[in-house]
Structures are given as C-alpha cells and as structure tokens.
Amino acid sequence: MDSLTQVITLIGNGGWVAIGIFLGFFIQRLDRRMERLEAKIEAMREEYVLREEHYRDISGWKGEINRLDLKIDRLTELILGRLRK
C-alpha cells in the first residue's frame, strides 16, 4: 500500500515522465522476449516432421530389412542343406 501512495505522489508531482520511461522499458523487454519466443516456435516448426512423412521413410527401411532377412534365411537354408549332404 505504501508503494501505491508513492506512485500516486510521484504522478502528482509530475512524474509522468518517469512512469512513461518505465513503461517504455517494460514494453521493450516484453517485445524482445516475444521475438525470442517467435524464433523458437519457428525453429520447432522447421524441425517438425509430418507423421505421414515419418511413416513413409520408415516403411522404406522396413521393406529393405525384410528383404535382407529373407536373403539371410535362404542363405542359411542353403548352407545347412549343403552341410547335410
């Protein structure tokens, strides 16, 4: 409550300039902070990968892994078949 009366006294004594400077400084700080947050949000948007793109990339790898797995199984069967003879 005491600080409120000091502010009112300051305004009454012509302290509008001080309050204006304080508000200007405060607004400038908020503006800088918002710019930093906007930059962070933009960076997050650039790094974001759509779910469809992610699944499309993974499905290609899964197909290649399945083909390699089949080739390894065939090679193992071929080796075991020759060893049994």
Protein backbone atom coordinates (compact mmCIF):
# COMPACT_ATOMS: atom_id res chain seq x y z
CA MET A 1 0.00 0.00 0.00
CA ASP A 2 2.91 2.29 0.74
CA SER A 3 4.34 1.83 -2.76
CA LEU A 4 0.96 2.72 -4.24
CA THR A 5 0.92 6.01 -2.37
CA GLN A 6 4.47 6.69 -3.57
CA VAL A 7 3.39 6.14 -7.16
CA ILE A 8 0.39 8.43 -6.70
CA THR A 9 2.63 11.07 -5.12
CA LEU A 10 5.10 10.73 -8.00
CA ILE A 11 2.31 11.20 -10.54
CA GLY A 12 1.02 14.20 -8.59
CA ASN A 13 4.48 15.80 -8.60
CA GLY A 14 4.80 15.47 -12.39
CA GLY A 15 6.37 12.02 -12.51
CA TRP A 16 4.65 11.11 -15.74
CA VAL A 17 7.99 11.07 -17.50
CA ALA A 18 9.42 8.51 -15.08
CA ILE A 19 6.35 6.31 -15.44
CA GLY A 20 6.47 6.68 -19.22
CA ILE A 21 10.13 5.66 -19.30
CA PHE A 22 9.42 2.69 -17.04
CA LEU A 23 6.50 1.56 -19.20
CA GLY A 24 8.57 2.04 -22.37
CA PHE A 25 11.37 -0.09 -20.91
CA PHE A 26 8.89 -2.73 -19.79
CA ILE A 27 7.22 -2.87 -23.21
CA GLN A 28 10.61 -3.12 -24.92
CA ARG A 29 11.58 -6.09 -22.71
CA LEU A 30 8.28 -7.81 -23.50
CA ASP A 31 8.80 -7.18 -27.20
CA ARG A 32 12.30 -8.74 -27.13
CA ARG A 33 11.01 -11.71 -25.20
CA MET A 34 8.19 -12.24 -27.70
CA GLU A 35 10.69 -12.09 -30.60
CA ARG A 36 12.80 -14.80 -28.95
CA LEU A 37 9.73 -16.97 -28.40
CA GLU A 38 8.62 -16.49 -32.00
CA ALA A 39 12.09 -17.55 -33.18
CA LYS A 40 11.92 -20.67 -31.02
CA ILE A 41 8.45 -21.54 -32.34
CA GLU A 42 9.65 -21.09 -35.92
CA ALA A 43 12.62 -23.39 -35.26
CA MET A 44 10.25 -26.00 -33.83
CA ARG A 45 8.06 -25.76 -36.93
CA GLU A 46 11.08 -26.31 -39.17
CA GLU A 47 12.14 -29.39 -37.21
CA TYR A 48 8.64 -30.86 -37.09
CA VAL A 49 8.15 -33.84 -39.39
CA LEU A 50 4.69 -34.80 -40.53
CA ARG A 51 3.52 -38.21 -39.36
CA GLU A 52 2.90 -39.36 -42.94
CA GLU A 53 6.46 -38.44 -43.98
CA HIS A 54 7.85 -40.25 -40.95
CA TYR A 55 5.90 -43.43 -41.70
CA ARG A 56 6.81 -43.25 -45.39
CA ASP A 57 10.52 -43.04 -44.50
CA ILE A 58 10.27 -45.89 -42.01
CA SER A 59 8.27 -48.12 -44.36
CA GLY A 60 11.08 -47.96 -46.93
CA TRP A 61 13.57 -49.15 -44.33
CA LYS A 62 11.24 -51.87 -43.13
CA GLY A 63 10.92 -53.25 -46.66
CA GLU A 64 14.69 -53.35 -47.10
CA ILE A 65 15.15 -55.05 -43.72
CA ASN A 66 12.52 -57.67 -44.63
CA ARG A 67 14.29 -58.41 -47.93
CA LEU A 68 17.64 -58.78 -46.15
CA ASP A 69 16.03 -61.06 -43.57
CA LEU A 70 14.65 -63.29 -46.34
CA LYS A 71 18.03 -63.42 -48.08
CA ILE A 72 19.75 -64.38 -44.81
CA ASP A 73 17.16 -67.12 -44.21
CA ARG A 74 17.66 -68.51 -47.74
CA LEU A 75 21.43 -68.39 -47.38
CA THR A 76 21.23 -70.17 -44.01
CA GLU A 77 18.98 -72.88 -45.50
CA LEU A 78 21.33 -73.27 -48.46
CA ILE A 79 24.37 -73.64 -46.21
CA LEU A 80 22.62 -76.11 -43.90
CA GLY A 81 21.36 -78.10 -46.92
CA ARG A 82 24.87 -78.41 -48.33
CA LEU A 83 26.33 -79.35 -44.96
CA ARG A 84 23.78 -82.19 -44.58
CA LYS A 85 24.77 -83.75 -47.92
